[in-house]
Amino acid sequence: MSAATISVDEFMALEQKVLQTVELIKTERQARSDAESARSKAEFERDTARTEAAELRQKLSVADEKLIAAGEAQSEIASLQRERTAVRQRVEKMLATMDALL
């Protein structure tokens, strides 16, 4: 036998190691592809969440402005009601005075 000759058992062992290496590489590539897909999905979801958060902040700002306006309107209504009451009292006094004069 020459030194370059490989026994059947050694060849089968080498073939088995090559097949295992090929399977390991396939598994690693699939894992890398899955990780990249998950990363892309996570980035998309993050961007979507940021967009939704910005929209909600805008809506909250508008709602705050409406709430402030409503509070101001209520204050104005209360002021007008007090003014109406004061005017009514003055008119009643004037009518009473006119009735007394007649």
Protein backbone atom coordinates (compact mmCIF):
# COMPACT_ATOMS: atom_id res chain seq x y z
CA MET A 1 0.00 0.00 0.00
CA SER A 2 1.17 3.47 -0.74
CA ALA A 3 1.03 6.44 1.65
CA ALA A 4 -1.62 8.16 -0.48
CA THR A 5 -4.05 5.32 -0.08
CA ILE A 6 -6.94 5.90 2.31
CA SER A 7 -8.82 3.05 3.87
CA VAL A 8 -12.56 2.71 3.37
CA ASP A 9 -13.20 3.46 7.05
CA GLU A 10 -11.08 6.62 6.93
CA PHE A 11 -12.82 7.72 3.76
CA MET A 12 -16.26 7.13 5.29
CA ALA A 13 -15.23 9.03 8.43
CA LEU A 14 -13.97 11.92 6.29
CA GLU A 15 -17.17 11.86 4.22
CA GLN A 16 -19.24 11.91 7.42
CA LYS A 17 -17.29 14.93 8.71
CA VAL A 18 -17.82 16.74 5.39
CA LEU A 19 -21.57 16.02 5.50
CA GLN A 20 -21.75 17.22 9.10
CA THR A 21 -19.89 20.40 8.14
CA VAL A 22 -22.27 20.99 5.23
CA GLU A 23 -25.27 20.52 7.52
CA LEU A 24 -23.73 22.86 10.09
CA ILE A 25 -23.18 25.52 7.42
CA LYS A 26 -26.78 25.12 6.16
CA THR A 27 -28.08 25.45 9.71
CA GLU A 28 -25.94 28.53 10.35
CA ARG A 29 -27.09 30.18 7.11
CA GLN A 30 -30.73 29.47 7.94
CA ALA A 31 -30.24 30.86 11.46
CA ARG A 32 -28.58 33.97 10.03
CA SER A 33 -31.40 34.41 7.53
CA ASP A 34 -34.01 33.96 10.28
CA ALA A 35 -32.19 36.47 12.49
CA GLU A 36 -32.05 39.01 9.66
CA SER A 37 -35.77 38.52 8.96
CA ALA A 38 -36.56 38.97 12.66
CA ARG A 39 -34.40 42.09 12.75
CA SER A 40 -36.15 43.57 9.72
CA LYS A 41 -39.54 42.78 11.22
CA ALA A 42 -38.53 44.32 14.55
CA GLU A 43 -37.27 47.48 12.80
CA PHE A 44 -40.51 47.74 10.83
CA GLU A 45 -42.59 47.30 13.99
CA ARG A 46 -40.42 49.86 15.81
CA ASP A 47 -40.90 52.39 13.00
CA THR A 48 -44.64 51.70 12.95
CA ALA A 49 -44.82 52.16 16.72
CA ARG A 50 -42.91 55.43 16.49
CA THR A 51 -45.28 56.68 13.81
CA GLU A 52 -48.31 55.69 15.88
CA ALA A 53 -46.79 57.34 18.95
CA ALA A 54 -46.25 60.57 17.01
CA GLU A 55 -49.84 60.48 15.77
CA LEU A 56 -51.13 59.87 19.29
CA ARG A 57 -49.02 62.74 20.64
CA GLN A 58 -50.53 65.00 17.97
CA LYS A 59 -54.06 63.87 18.86
CA LEU A 60 -53.30 64.40 22.55
CA SER A 61 -52.06 67.90 21.80
CA VAL A 62 -55.26 68.69 19.87
CA ALA A 63 -57.36 67.22 22.68
CA ASP A 64 -55.47 69.34 25.24
CA GLU A 65 -56.13 72.45 23.17
CA LYS A 66 -59.83 71.58 22.96
CA LEU A 67 -59.92 70.96 26.69
CA ILE A 68 -58.32 74.34 27.37
CA ALA A 69 -60.80 75.99 24.99
CA ALA A 70 -63.68 74.21 26.72
CA GLY A 71 -62.43 75.40 30.11
CA GLU A 72 -62.20 78.94 28.81
CA ALA A 73 -65.72 78.66 27.36
CA GLN A 74 -67.05 77.43 30.71
CA SER A 75 -65.38 80.35 32.47
CA GLU A 76 -66.91 82.75 29.97
CA ILE A 77 -70.37 81.16 30.41
CA ALA A 78 -70.08 81.49 34.18
CA SER A 79 -69.03 85.13 33.80
CA LEU A 80 -71.95 85.83 31.44
CA GLN A 81 -74.38 84.16 33.85
CA ARG A 82 -73.11 86.35 36.70
CA GLU A 83 -73.44 89.42 34.48
CA ARG A 84 -76.98 88.38 33.47
CA THR A 85 -77.94 87.97 37.11
CA ALA A 86 -76.55 91.43 37.92
CA VAL A 87 -78.41 92.97 34.96
CA ARG A 88 -81.64 91.22 35.99
CA GLN A 89 -81.32 92.59 39.50
CA ARG A 90 -80.76 96.13 38.20
CA VAL A 91 -83.73 95.84 35.82
CA GLU A 92 -85.92 94.55 38.66
CA LYS A 93 -84.81 97.50 40.83
CA MET A 94 -85.57 99.91 37.99
CA LEU A 95 -89.01 98.34 37.46
CA ALA A 96 -89.69 98.50 41.18
CA THR A 97 -88.66 102.16 41.21
CA MET A 98 -90.87 102.87 38.18
CA ASP A 99 -93.79 101.07 39.85
CA ALA A 100 -93.24 103.14 42.97
CA LEU A 101 -93.25 106.35 40.95
CA LEU A 102 -96.46 105.50 39.15
